């Protein structure tokens, strides 16, 4: 498990005074600024983040060291990471997406179904994108208690009870 968790991304500038537009990936979106200095994926830069207002699809925020629109624009696409120990404790049935990526996926009969490639959320609930064995395309598995009854981080695997036919195409 990574010692840093992606909590948001810079999506561009906001206005002309150096504010950045930030999309939060936090369960409580406006808490993104509460987790101490946030760093880039490679750790080469770090920022304190202060939300100034809510805007469409995120927040306008001041980032330390960013004072111009051009500087904010140059950071577009930058993912922001917080130290894992700065984040709130998770409940037993909650997981950080980063901890799920790469886990083996097996069905309730023990058959290897592939590995988790990504986790998506398009508004309704999370979907696990699984690179299925022997298939060219990926399979989207609903991340619900019914379909994914077991997540075993220590064994690095997820047990799925997929609806009939889910892994049959591709």
Protein backbone atom coordinates (compact mmCIF):
# COMPACT_ATOMS: atom_id res chain seq x y z
CA UNK A 1 0.00 0.00 0.00
CA UNK A 2 1.21 3.44 -0.88
CA UNK A 3 2.03 5.90 1.89
CA UNK A 4 0.37 8.66 -0.18
CA UNK A 5 -3.18 8.87 -1.50
CA UNK A 6 -4.37 10.92 -4.47
CA UNK A 7 -6.94 13.36 -3.06
CA UNK A 8 -7.50 15.63 -6.05
CA UNK A 9 -6.26 17.17 -9.25
CA UNK A 10 -5.61 20.64 -10.60
CA UNK A 11 -7.83 21.21 -13.62
CA UNK A 12 -6.53 24.65 -14.61
CA UNK A 13 -6.64 28.24 -13.52
CA UNK A 14 -9.59 30.16 -12.11
CA UNK A 15 -9.69 33.86 -12.89
CA UNK A 16 -6.61 35.99 -13.45
CA UNK A 17 -5.15 36.29 -9.94
CA UNK A 18 -3.38 32.94 -9.62
CA UNK A 19 -6.18 30.79 -8.22
CA UNK A 20 -6.35 27.21 -9.44
CA UNK A 21 -9.40 25.13 -10.24
CA UNK A 22 -9.19 21.92 -8.17
CA UNK A 23 -11.26 18.75 -8.38
CA UNK A 24 -11.46 16.89 -5.07
CA UNK A 25 -11.55 13.09 -4.84
CA UNK A 26 -12.27 13.17 -1.09
CA UNK A 27 -15.43 11.71 0.46
CA UNK A 28 -15.95 15.18 1.96
CA UNK A 29 -14.85 17.23 -1.08
CA UNK A 30 -14.16 20.47 0.79
CA UNK A 31 -11.81 18.65 3.20
CA UNK A 32 -9.08 18.49 0.53
CA UNK A 33 -7.25 21.40 2.13
CA UNK A 34 -7.30 19.80 5.59
CA UNK A 35 -4.68 17.11 4.97
CA UNK A 36 -1.55 19.19 5.27
CA UNK A 37 0.72 20.06 2.39
CA UNK A 38 -0.27 18.19 -0.77
CA UNK A 39 2.43 16.98 -3.11
CA UNK A 40 2.74 16.11 -6.77
CA UNK A 41 2.87 12.44 -7.78
CA UNK A 42 6.67 12.43 -7.98
CA UNK A 43 6.97 14.43 -4.75
CA UNK A 44 8.98 17.19 -6.43
CA UNK A 45 6.56 19.96 -5.40
CA UNK A 46 4.28 20.51 -2.48
CA UNK A 47 1.48 22.99 -1.89
CA UNK A 48 -0.69 24.20 0.91
CA UNK A 49 -4.20 24.52 -0.47
CA UNK A 50 -6.83 26.99 0.69
CA UNK A 51 -10.28 26.76 -0.89
CA UNK A 52 -11.62 30.21 -1.78
CA UNK A 53 -15.01 29.17 -3.20
CA UNK A 54 -16.97 26.35 -4.76
CA UNK A 55 -17.11 26.42 -8.58
CA UNK A 56 -18.61 24.10 -11.19
CA UNK A 57 -16.97 20.64 -10.92
CA UNK A 58 -14.78 21.54 -7.96
CA UNK A 59 -13.26 24.46 -6.10
CA UNK A 60 -11.27 27.59 -6.73
CA UNK A 61 -8.23 27.45 -4.47
CA UNK A 62 -5.04 29.25 -3.60
CA UNK A 63 -1.94 27.08 -3.83
CA UNK A 64 1.23 28.19 -2.07
CA UNK A 65 3.82 29.43 -4.54
CA UNK A 66 1.25 29.95 -7.31
CA UNK A 67 0.57 33.63 -7.87
CA UNK A 68 -0.30 34.00 -11.57
CA UNK A 69 -2.85 32.59 -13.98
CA UNK A 70 0.00 31.21 -16.10
CA UNK A 71 1.49 29.31 -13.15
CA UNK A 72 -1.94 27.82 -12.34
CA UNK A 73 -2.50 26.89 -16.00
CA UNK A 74 0.91 25.18 -16.13
CA UNK A 75 -0.22 22.85 -13.32
CA UNK A 76 -3.31 21.63 -15.19
CA UNK A 77 -3.52 17.84 -14.92
CA UNK A 78 -1.32 17.67 -11.81
CA UNK A 79 -2.60 15.15 -9.29
CA UNK A 80 -2.38 16.09 -5.62
CA UNK A 81 -1.34 13.56 -2.97
CA UNK A 82 -1.74 13.59 0.82
CA UNK A 83 0.15 11.43 3.31
CA UNK A 84 -1.97 8.37 4.18
CA UNK A 85 -1.55 9.04 7.92
CA UNK A 86 -3.08 12.53 7.52
CA UNK A 87 -6.34 11.08 6.18
CA UNK A 88 -9.26 9.92 8.34
CA UNK A 89 -9.47 6.25 9.34
CA UNK A 90 -11.64 4.14 7.04
CA UNK A 91 -14.53 1.96 8.10
CA UNK A 92 -14.16 -1.81 7.61
CA UNK A 93 -15.99 -1.77 4.27
CA UNK A 94 -14.23 1.30 2.85
CA UNK A 95 -11.09 1.33 0.71
CA UNK A 96 -8.85 3.81 -1.03
CA UNK A 97 -8.97 3.27 -4.79
CA UNK A 98 -5.19 3.07 -4.92
CA UNK A 99 -5.27 0.04 -2.60
CA UNK A 100 -7.60 -1.86 -4.96
CA UNK A 101 -5.63 -1.31 -8.17
CA UNK A 102 -3.48 -4.32 -9.01
CA UNK A 103 -5.36 -6.78 -6.77
CA UNK A 104 -6.07 -10.23 -8.19
CA UNK A 105 -9.72 -10.94 -8.94
CA UNK A 106 -11.03 -14.46 -8.36
CA UNK A 107 -14.59 -15.70 -8.42
CA UNK A 108 -16.32 -17.58 -5.62
CA UNK A 109 -15.26 -20.87 -7.28
CA UNK A 110 -11.59 -19.86 -7.13
CA UNK A 111 -11.23 -19.17 -10.87
CA UNK A 112 -8.74 -16.41 -11.71
CA UNK A 113 -10.65 -13.59 -13.42
CA UNK A 114 -7.84 -11.05 -13.84
CA UNK A 115 -6.58 -7.96 -12.01
CA UNK A 116 -8.08 -4.63 -11.05
CA UNK A 117 -6.78 -2.10 -13.55
CA UNK A 118 -8.70 1.00 -12.37
CA UNK A 119 -11.61 2.16 -10.22
CA UNK A 120 -14.21 4.47 -11.73
CA UNK A 121 -17.15 6.38 -10.34
CA UNK A 122 -19.51 8.06 -12.76
CA UNK A 123 -21.98 9.15 -10.12
CA UNK A 124 -23.97 6.07 -9.08
CA UNK A 125 -21.37 3.79 -7.48
CA UNK A 126 -17.84 2.56 -7.96
CA UNK A 127 -16.95 0.23 -10.82
CA UNK A 128 -13.85 -1.96 -10.85
CA UNK A 129 -12.21 -2.10 -14.26
CA UNK A 130 -10.79 -5.61 -14.48
CA UNK A 131 -8.30 -6.79 -17.09
CA UNK A 132 -9.79 -10.21 -17.56
CA UNK A 133 -7.65 -13.21 -18.42
CA UNK A 134 -7.90 -14.18 -22.09
CA UNK A 135 -9.88 -11.11 -23.14
CA UNK A 136 -8.76 -8.11 -25.18
CA UNK A 137 -11.12 -5.69 -23.49
CA UNK A 138 -11.62 -4.92 -19.82
CA UNK A 139 -14.70 -5.83 -17.78
CA UNK A 140 -16.51 -3.35 -15.52
CA UNK A 141 -17.54 -5.00 -12.27
CA UNK A 142 -20.01 -3.20 -9.96
CA UNK A 143 -18.24 -2.62 -6.65
CA UNK A 144 -21.18 -3.64 -4.48
CA UNK A 145 -21.39 -6.00 -1.50
CA UNK A 146 -23.48 -8.38 -3.62
CA UNK A 147 -21.00 -8.64 -6.52
CA UNK A 148 -17.78 -8.15 -4.50
CA UNK A 149 -18.41 -9.87 -1.17
CA UNK A 150 -14.73 -9.98 -0.10
CA UNK A 151 -11.79 -7.60 -0.37
CA UNK A 152 -8.71 -9.10 1.25
CA UNK A 153 -5.93 -6.50 1.14
CA UNK A 154 -3.50 -8.70 3.07
CA UNK A 155 -3.88 -11.51 0.49
CA UNK A 156 -3.96 -8.92 -2.34
CA UNK A 157 -7.16 -10.29 -3.83
CA UNK A 158 -10.81 -9.57 -4.38
CA UNK A 159 -13.43 -12.29 -4.50
CA UNK A 160 -16.28 -11.63 -6.91
CA UNK A 161 -19.65 -13.27 -7.43
CA UNK A 162 -20.27 -11.88 -10.93
CA UNK A 163 -23.64 -11.86 -12.65
CA UNK A 164 -23.86 -14.63 -15.25
CA UNK A 165 -22.11 -13.71 -18.48
CA UNK A 166 -20.11 -10.76 -17.10
CA UNK A 167 -16.74 -12.32 -17.95
CA UNK A 168 -17.89 -14.18 -21.09
CA UNK A 169 -17.35 -11.51 -23.80
CA UNK A 170 -14.42 -9.75 -25.32
